[in-house]
Protein backbone atom coordinates (compact mmCIF):
# COMPACT_ATOMS: atom_id res chain seq x y z
CA MET A 1 -25.23 20.66 9.77
CA ASN A 2 -23.82 19.67 5.99
CA VAL A 3 -20.28 19.08 4.56
CA ASP A 4 -18.68 21.96 3.61
CA LEU A 5 -15.70 20.79 1.06
CA SER A 6 -14.91 24.89 1.04
CA SER A 7 -13.14 24.80 4.26
CA TYR A 8 -11.43 21.55 3.96
CA GLN A 9 -7.44 22.09 4.61
CA ASN A 10 -4.52 19.34 4.71
CA LYS A 11 -1.70 21.74 6.20
CA GLU A 12 -0.98 19.45 9.30
CA TYR A 13 -0.34 16.57 6.28
CA ARG A 14 3.41 16.31 5.68
CA PRO A 15 4.40 13.59 2.99
CA GLY A 16 8.33 14.11 3.84
CA GLY A 17 10.22 15.22 0.90
CA SER A 18 11.01 18.55 -0.53
CA SER A 19 8.54 19.68 -3.49
CA LEU A 20 11.40 19.37 -5.98
CA LYS A 21 11.81 15.54 -4.65
CA ARG A 22 8.30 14.91 -4.96
CA ILE A 23 7.71 16.66 -8.37
CA PHE A 24 10.89 14.11 -10.07
CA TRP A 25 9.25 11.44 -8.29
CA TYR A 26 5.95 11.91 -9.73
CA LEU A 27 7.61 12.23 -12.90
CA THR A 28 9.83 8.84 -12.55
CA ASN A 29 6.53 6.88 -10.91
CA ILE A 30 4.72 7.43 -14.11
CA LEU A 31 7.68 6.86 -16.59
CA TRP A 32 8.77 3.51 -15.07
CA PHE A 33 6.50 2.21 -11.98
CA LYS A 34 3.01 3.05 -13.99
CA SER A 35 4.09 2.12 -17.53
CA SER A 36 3.26 -1.27 -18.95
CA TRP A 37 6.25 -1.31 -21.01
CA ILE A 38 9.15 -1.53 -18.61
CA HIS A 39 9.20 -4.81 -16.78
CA SER A 40 12.93 -4.47 -15.17
CA SER A 41 12.69 -5.40 -11.62
CA PRO A 42 16.37 -4.86 -10.73
CA TRP A 43 15.65 -0.90 -11.95
CA LYS A 44 12.65 -0.12 -10.42
CA ARG A 45 14.34 -1.48 -6.94
CA PHE A 46 17.49 0.61 -7.95
CA LEU A 47 15.19 3.70 -8.36
CA LEU A 48 12.78 3.46 -4.91
CA ARG A 49 15.95 3.05 -3.21
CA LEU A 50 17.51 5.97 -5.09
CA TYR A 51 14.11 8.09 -3.31
CA GLY A 52 14.95 6.69 -0.07
CA ALA A 53 12.52 3.58 -0.33
CA ARG A 54 13.79 0.24 2.06
CA ILE A 55 13.82 -2.56 -0.35
CA GLY A 56 15.39 -5.93 0.43
CA LYS A 57 16.99 -8.57 -2.45
CA GLY A 58 14.81 -10.23 -4.85
CA VAL A 59 11.55 -7.97 -4.78
CA VAL A 60 9.16 -8.02 -7.75
CA ILE A 61 7.85 -5.23 -9.41
CA LYS A 62 5.37 -5.89 -11.79
CA PRO A 63 4.56 -3.22 -14.11
CA ASN A 64 1.31 0.00 -14.14
CA VAL A 65 2.39 -0.10 -10.11
CA ASN A 66 1.45 3.16 -8.79
CA ILE A 67 3.45 3.82 -5.63
CA LYS A 68 2.90 7.39 -4.27
CA TYR A 69 5.59 8.31 -1.93
CA PRO A 70 8.94 5.62 -2.01
CA TRP A 71 10.53 7.27 0.91
CA ARG A 72 7.53 5.92 3.03
CA LEU A 73 7.51 2.53 1.84
CA SER A 74 9.97 -0.37 3.15
CA ILE A 75 9.76 -3.87 1.56
CA GLY A 76 11.50 -6.96 2.66
CA ASP A 77 12.79 -9.97 0.91
CA TYR A 78 11.62 -11.63 -1.74
CA ALA A 79 8.10 -9.52 -1.59
CA TRP A 80 6.05 -9.28 -4.88
CA ILE A 81 4.16 -6.36 -6.00
CA GLY A 82 1.75 -7.66 -8.34
CA GLU A 83 0.40 -5.60 -11.99
CA GLY A 84 -1.86 -2.23 -11.37
CA ALA A 85 -0.94 -2.65 -7.48
CA TRP A 86 -1.67 1.07 -6.12
CA ILE A 87 0.55 1.93 -2.82
CA ASP A 88 -0.85 5.43 -1.70
CA ASN A 89 1.31 5.74 1.18
CA LEU A 90 0.36 8.94 2.77
CA GLY A 91 1.69 7.35 5.82
CA ASP A 92 4.09 4.70 6.25
CA VAL A 93 3.86 1.39 4.47
CA SER A 94 6.17 -2.00 5.47
CA ILE A 95 5.92 -4.74 3.39
CA CYS A 96 7.81 -7.45 5.19
CA ALA A 97 9.37 -10.57 3.69
CA ASN A 98 7.59 -13.22 1.15
CA VAL A 99 4.33 -10.67 0.94
CA CYS A 100 2.07 -10.92 -2.07
CA VAL A 101 0.21 -7.91 -2.65
CA SER A 102 -2.05 -9.41 -5.96
CA GLN A 103 -2.75 -7.47 -8.73
CA GLY A 104 -4.90 -4.36 -8.27
CA ALA A 105 -4.49 -4.30 -4.68
CA MET A 106 -5.05 -1.26 -2.95
CA LEU A 107 -2.96 -0.22 0.05
CA LEU A 108 -4.70 3.12 1.17
CA CYS A 109 -3.22 4.87 3.58
CA GLY A 110 -5.50 7.96 3.70
CA ASN A 111 -9.20 8.60 4.60
CA HIS A 112 -11.52 11.25 5.22
CA ASP A 113 -13.81 11.64 8.72
CA TYR A 114 -16.79 11.56 7.30
CA LYS A 115 -18.23 13.15 11.03
CA LYS A 116 -17.01 16.18 10.57
CA THR A 117 -17.88 19.02 8.62
CA THR A 118 -15.23 19.52 7.12
CA PHE A 119 -13.94 16.74 6.00
CA ASP A 120 -10.41 16.27 7.61
CA LEU A 121 -7.69 14.00 6.42
CA ILE A 122 -7.19 11.27 8.79
CA VAL A 123 -4.02 8.90 8.18
CA GLY A 124 -2.88 5.64 9.52
CA ASP A 125 0.19 3.63 8.92
CA ILE A 126 -0.15 -0.09 7.20
CA ILE A 127 2.12 -3.23 7.90
CA LEU A 128 1.99 -6.43 6.22
CA GLU A 129 3.83 -9.17 8.40
CA GLU A 130 5.88 -11.57 6.73
CA GLY A 131 4.31 -14.31 4.54
CA SER A 132 0.83 -12.76 4.19
CA TRP A 133 -1.38 -12.57 0.87
CA ILE A 134 -2.99 -9.48 -0.47
CA GLY A 135 -5.63 -10.98 -3.07
CA ALA A 136 -6.28 -8.99 -6.32
CA LYS A 137 -8.53 -6.30 -6.29
CA SER A 138 -8.74 -6.26 -2.79
CA LEU A 139 -8.41 -3.07 -0.02
CA VAL A 140 -6.31 -2.38 2.74
CA GLY A 141 -7.60 0.65 4.80
CA PRO A 142 -5.30 3.10 7.09
CA GLY A 143 -3.70 1.81 10.62
CA VAL A 144 -4.42 -1.44 9.47
CA THR A 145 -1.78 -4.52 10.29
CA VAL A 146 -2.18 -7.74 8.53
CA ARG A 147 -0.39 -10.40 10.84
CA SER A 148 2.30 -13.15 9.84
CA HIS A 149 0.76 -15.58 6.51
CA ALA A 150 -2.80 -13.83 6.84
CA VAL A 151 -4.72 -13.46 3.62
CA LEU A 152 -7.02 -11.69 2.34
CA ALA A 153 -8.89 -13.30 -0.34
CA ALA A 154 -9.50 -11.27 -3.55
CA GLY A 155 -12.00 -8.10 -3.72
CA SER A 156 -11.98 -8.29 -0.07
CA VAL A 157 -11.84 -4.68 1.82
CA THR A 158 -10.36 -4.43 5.17
CA SER A 159 -10.60 -1.42 7.35
CA LYS A 160 -9.15 -3.73 10.76
CA ASP A 161 -6.27 -5.83 11.61
CA LEU A 162 -6.12 -9.65 10.63
CA GLU A 163 -4.74 -12.20 12.66
CA ALA A 164 -1.99 -14.42 11.48
CA PHE A 165 -2.87 -17.71 10.03
CA THR A 166 -6.36 -16.37 9.02
CA ILE A 167 -8.08 -16.31 5.45
CA TYR A 168 -10.74 -12.92 5.28
CA GLN A 169 -13.02 -12.74 2.54
CA GLY A 170 -15.39 -9.99 1.96
CA ASN A 171 -16.67 -6.86 2.68
CA PRO A 172 -16.02 -6.15 5.25
CA ALA A 173 -13.52 -9.06 5.88
CA LYS A 174 -14.39 -11.55 7.72
CA ALA A 175 -12.88 -14.67 9.23
CA VAL A 176 -13.39 -17.90 6.92
CA ARG A 177 -10.82 -20.52 7.99
CA ASP A 178 -7.28 -21.25 9.21
CA ARG A 179 -4.23 -20.47 6.85
CA GLU A 180 -2.55 -24.06 6.75
CA ILE A 181 1.14 -24.22 5.16
CA SER A 182 2.31 -28.07 3.68
């Protein structure tokens, strides 16, 4: 049996928000977040809250960040979102306090079931616990929890939970050493 993309349906998935809200967010995202000329984190925090995101104090959001659905996003105090990060939050994304999501990192809540001919959508929430660090150009897949102070090194990929105070590297990411903070 072969994959038949003509039979793909996405009718069970509900992103939340009305169609009008999604359209206005799409335009806001292009103008204020995906743009490289807007650097004001306070303004970006205000806009995200306006669209239903839960945003803590002191959150830094760099230019060229792409956020799919702010109403499915929670960012804790003093978290950083680096340039070119992509938060593809088809599911809920929780970024706790003091988390760093580095440049070009991807948080992907969706994937497809390659075992089904219909290529069904699979959605899972992502949780980045306090003090964790997602390295530049790395990828966190659907349903992953990155435990407190874990590190996913630059260019690494994980589809599994990462343990606390551990540094992971590679594709797939493997534990390489403990994280010691002095």
